[in-house]
């Protein structure tokens, strides 16, 4: 069994929250931050389940098994 680490980016829109896993390109949404996060977890689980059934799991998860990952936020002046 592998432990996969993936990022969850969540932002507020006019009528709720959008969540995205950049590594997989999976997105979801919810009425609250927590709902968007939980819905994204469920969507990622379904995505990985499908990849496993299609025998693509190794290809899909290759970049998600690194021991350490860091996220940095940068600013740009426009």
N, C-alpha and C. Protein backbone atom coordinates (compact mmCIF):
# COMPACT_ATOMS: atom_id res chain seq x y z
N UNK A 1 0.84 -1.18 0.00
CA UNK A 1 0.00 0.00 0.00
C UNK A 1 0.89 1.24 0.00
N UNK A 2 0.57 2.19 -0.86
CA UNK A 2 1.31 3.45 -0.95
C UNK A 2 0.52 4.56 -0.27
N UNK A 3 1.25 5.48 0.32
CA UNK A 3 0.61 6.68 0.84
C UNK A 3 0.86 7.78 -0.17
N UNK A 4 -0.21 8.35 -0.69
CA UNK A 4 -0.10 9.39 -1.71
C UNK A 4 -0.29 10.76 -1.07
N UNK A 5 0.55 11.68 -1.47
CA UNK A 5 0.42 13.06 -1.00
C UNK A 5 0.03 13.92 -2.19
N UNK A 6 -1.01 14.70 -2.01
CA UNK A 6 -1.44 15.58 -3.09
C UNK A 6 -1.92 16.90 -2.51
N UNK A 7 -1.81 17.92 -3.33
CA UNK A 7 -2.21 19.26 -2.90
C UNK A 7 -3.69 19.47 -3.13
N UNK A 8 -4.27 20.28 -2.29
CA UNK A 8 -5.65 20.71 -2.47
C UNK A 8 -5.66 22.23 -2.45
N UNK A 9 -6.06 22.82 -3.56
CA UNK A 9 -6.19 24.27 -3.65
C UNK A 9 -7.67 24.59 -3.59
N UNK A 10 -8.03 25.48 -2.68
CA UNK A 10 -9.45 25.83 -2.51
C UNK A 10 -9.59 27.34 -2.52
N UNK A 11 -10.57 27.81 -3.29
CA UNK A 11 -10.80 29.25 -3.32
C UNK A 11 -12.29 29.54 -3.33
N UNK A 12 -12.63 30.73 -2.86
CA UNK A 12 -14.03 31.15 -2.77
C UNK A 12 -14.46 31.78 -4.09
N UNK A 13 -15.62 31.38 -4.53
CA UNK A 13 -16.27 31.99 -5.68
C UNK A 13 -17.54 32.68 -5.17
N UNK A 14 -18.28 33.28 -6.06
CA UNK A 14 -19.48 34.02 -5.68
C UNK A 14 -20.48 33.15 -4.91
N UNK A 15 -20.69 31.93 -5.37
CA UNK A 15 -21.72 31.08 -4.76
C UNK A 15 -21.16 29.80 -4.18
N UNK A 16 -20.02 29.86 -3.52
CA UNK A 16 -19.47 28.66 -2.90
C UNK A 16 -17.96 28.60 -3.05
N UNK A 17 -17.43 27.40 -2.91
CA UNK A 17 -15.99 27.18 -2.96
C UNK A 17 -15.65 26.17 -4.04
N UNK A 18 -14.52 26.37 -4.68
CA UNK A 18 -14.01 25.45 -5.69
C UNK A 18 -12.75 24.82 -5.12
N UNK A 19 -12.58 23.52 -5.33
CA UNK A 19 -11.39 22.82 -4.87
C UNK A 19 -10.75 22.09 -6.05
N UNK A 20 -9.42 22.01 -6.03
CA UNK A 20 -8.71 21.39 -7.14
C UNK A 20 -7.48 20.65 -6.64
N UNK A 21 -7.21 19.50 -7.24
CA UNK A 21 -5.98 18.76 -7.03
C UNK A 21 -5.14 18.97 -8.29
N UNK A 22 -4.12 19.85 -8.23
CA UNK A 22 -3.35 20.17 -9.43
C UNK A 22 -2.61 18.96 -10.03
N UNK A 23 -2.15 18.04 -9.19
CA UNK A 23 -1.41 16.88 -9.70
C UNK A 23 -2.25 16.00 -10.62
N UNK A 24 -3.54 15.92 -10.34
CA UNK A 24 -4.41 15.04 -11.12
C UNK A 24 -5.36 15.79 -12.04
N UNK A 25 -5.51 17.08 -11.83
CA UNK A 25 -6.46 17.85 -12.62
C UNK A 25 -7.90 17.58 -12.21
N UNK A 26 -8.09 17.09 -10.99
CA UNK A 26 -9.42 16.79 -10.47
C UNK A 26 -9.96 18.02 -9.75
N UNK A 27 -11.19 18.38 -10.01
CA UNK A 27 -11.81 19.53 -9.35
C UNK A 27 -13.14 19.13 -8.73
N UNK A 28 -13.56 19.92 -7.77
CA UNK A 28 -14.86 19.73 -7.14
C UNK A 28 -15.31 21.07 -6.58
N UNK A 29 -16.39 21.06 -5.82
CA UNK A 29 -16.89 22.30 -5.24
C UNK A 29 -17.75 21.98 -4.03
N UNK A 30 -18.16 23.02 -3.34
CA UNK A 30 -19.03 22.86 -2.19
C UNK A 30 -19.53 24.20 -1.70
N UNK A 31 -20.53 24.17 -0.86
CA UNK A 31 -21.08 25.41 -0.32
C UNK A 31 -20.19 26.02 0.75
N UNK A 32 -19.32 25.20 1.37
CA UNK A 32 -18.39 25.67 2.39
C UNK A 32 -16.99 25.16 2.06
N UNK A 33 -16.00 25.72 2.73
CA UNK A 33 -14.62 25.27 2.57
C UNK A 33 -14.51 23.77 2.85
N UNK A 34 -15.09 23.35 3.97
CA UNK A 34 -15.01 21.95 4.39
C UNK A 34 -15.70 21.02 3.39
N UNK A 35 -16.85 21.45 2.89
CA UNK A 35 -17.57 20.62 1.92
C UNK A 35 -16.78 20.50 0.62
N UNK A 36 -16.17 21.59 0.17
CA UNK A 36 -15.36 21.55 -1.04
C UNK A 36 -14.17 20.63 -0.86
N UNK A 37 -13.54 20.66 0.32
CA UNK A 37 -12.40 19.79 0.61
C UNK A 37 -12.84 18.33 0.65
N UNK A 38 -13.92 18.04 1.34
CA UNK A 38 -14.42 16.66 1.42
C UNK A 38 -14.86 16.14 0.06
N UNK A 39 -15.50 16.98 -0.74
CA UNK A 39 -15.91 16.58 -2.08
C UNK A 39 -14.70 16.31 -2.96
N UNK A 40 -13.63 17.08 -2.78
CA UNK A 40 -12.41 16.85 -3.55
C UNK A 40 -11.78 15.52 -3.15
N UNK A 41 -11.74 15.23 -1.86
CA UNK A 41 -11.20 13.93 -1.40
C UNK A 41 -11.96 12.79 -2.06
N UNK A 42 -13.28 12.89 -2.09
CA UNK A 42 -14.11 11.86 -2.70
C UNK A 42 -13.84 11.76 -4.20
N UNK A 43 -13.71 12.89 -4.88
CA UNK A 43 -13.44 12.90 -6.32
C UNK A 43 -12.08 12.28 -6.62
N UNK A 44 -11.07 12.60 -5.81
CA UNK A 44 -9.73 12.02 -6.00
C UNK A 44 -9.78 10.52 -5.77
N UNK A 45 -10.48 10.08 -4.73
CA UNK A 45 -10.61 8.64 -4.48
C UNK A 45 -11.24 7.92 -5.68
N UNK A 46 -12.29 8.51 -6.24
CA UNK A 46 -12.94 7.91 -7.41
C UNK A 46 -12.01 7.89 -8.62
N UNK A 47 -11.26 8.97 -8.80
CA UNK A 47 -10.31 9.07 -9.91
C UNK A 47 -9.25 7.96 -9.78
N UNK A 48 -8.70 7.80 -8.58
CA UNK A 48 -7.67 6.79 -8.37
C UNK A 48 -8.22 5.38 -8.48
N UNK A 49 -9.45 5.17 -8.02
CA UNK A 49 -10.12 3.88 -8.17
C UNK A 49 -10.25 3.51 -9.64
N UNK A 50 -10.67 4.48 -10.44
CA UNK A 50 -10.82 4.27 -11.88
C UNK A 50 -9.47 3.99 -12.53
N UNK A 51 -8.45 4.74 -12.14
CA UNK A 51 -7.10 4.52 -12.69
C UNK A 51 -6.62 3.11 -12.36
N UNK A 52 -6.94 2.64 -11.16
CA UNK A 52 -6.54 1.29 -10.75
C UNK A 52 -7.25 0.25 -11.62
N UNK A 53 -8.55 0.43 -11.84
CA UNK A 53 -9.31 -0.51 -12.66
C UNK A 53 -8.81 -0.55 -14.10
N UNK A 54 -8.31 0.58 -14.59
CA UNK A 54 -7.79 0.66 -15.96
C UNK A 54 -6.31 0.32 -16.05
N UNK A 55 -5.74 -0.13 -14.93
CA UNK A 55 -4.33 -0.50 -14.85
C UNK A 55 -3.40 0.67 -15.18
N UNK A 56 -3.81 1.87 -14.76
CA UNK A 56 -3.01 3.08 -14.98
C UNK A 56 -2.52 3.69 -13.67
N UNK A 57 -2.72 2.99 -12.57
CA UNK A 57 -2.45 3.57 -11.26
C UNK A 57 -0.98 3.95 -11.07
N UNK A 58 -0.06 3.14 -11.54
CA UNK A 58 1.37 3.46 -11.39
C UNK A 58 1.72 4.74 -12.14
N UNK A 59 1.21 4.85 -13.34
CA UNK A 59 1.46 6.03 -14.17
C UNK A 59 0.88 7.29 -13.53
N UNK A 60 -0.31 7.17 -12.99
CA UNK A 60 -1.01 8.32 -12.40
C UNK A 60 -0.37 8.76 -11.09
N UNK A 61 0.08 7.81 -10.28
CA UNK A 61 0.56 8.14 -8.94
C UNK A 61 2.07 8.32 -8.83
N UNK A 62 2.78 8.18 -9.91
CA UNK A 62 4.24 8.26 -9.87
C UNK A 62 4.75 9.52 -9.19
N UNK A 63 4.18 10.66 -9.50
CA UNK A 63 4.66 11.93 -8.92
C UNK A 63 4.07 12.22 -7.55
N UNK A 64 3.19 11.36 -7.07
CA UNK A 64 2.50 11.63 -5.81
C UNK A 64 3.08 10.87 -4.63
N UNK A 65 4.18 10.16 -4.80
CA UNK A 65 4.74 9.36 -3.72
C UNK A 65 6.03 9.95 -3.16
N UNK A 66 6.38 11.15 -3.57
CA UNK A 66 7.57 11.80 -3.01
C UNK A 66 7.39 11.97 -1.51
N UNK A 67 8.48 11.89 -0.79
CA UNK A 67 8.40 11.99 0.66
C UNK A 67 8.06 13.39 1.13
N UNK A 68 8.60 14.40 0.48
CA UNK A 68 8.37 15.78 0.92
C UNK A 68 7.96 16.63 -0.27
N UNK A 69 6.98 17.47 -0.05
CA UNK A 69 6.56 18.44 -1.07
C UNK A 69 6.37 19.77 -0.39
N UNK A 70 6.61 20.81 -1.13
CA UNK A 70 6.47 22.15 -0.59
C UNK A 70 5.64 22.99 -1.55
N UNK A 71 4.86 23.86 -1.01
CA UNK A 71 4.10 24.80 -1.81
C UNK A 71 4.51 26.20 -1.41
N UNK A 72 4.79 27.02 -2.39
CA UNK A 72 5.16 28.41 -2.12
C UNK A 72 4.22 29.32 -2.88
N UNK A 73 3.91 30.44 -2.28
CA UNK A 73 3.09 31.44 -2.94
C UNK A 73 3.99 32.61 -3.31
N UNK A 74 3.91 33.01 -4.54
CA UNK A 74 4.72 34.11 -5.05
C UNK A 74 3.81 35.26 -5.43
N UNK A 75 4.36 36.44 -5.45
CA UNK A 75 3.59 37.61 -5.85
C UNK A 75 4.14 38.17 -7.15
N UNK A 76 3.26 38.72 -7.94
CA UNK A 76 3.65 39.39 -9.17
C UNK A 76 2.98 40.75 -9.20
N UNK A 77 3.71 41.74 -9.63
CA UNK A 77 3.15 43.08 -9.77
C UNK A 77 2.72 43.23 -11.22
N UNK A 78 1.46 43.59 -11.43
CA UNK A 78 0.98 43.75 -12.81
C UNK A 78 0.38 45.12 -13.00
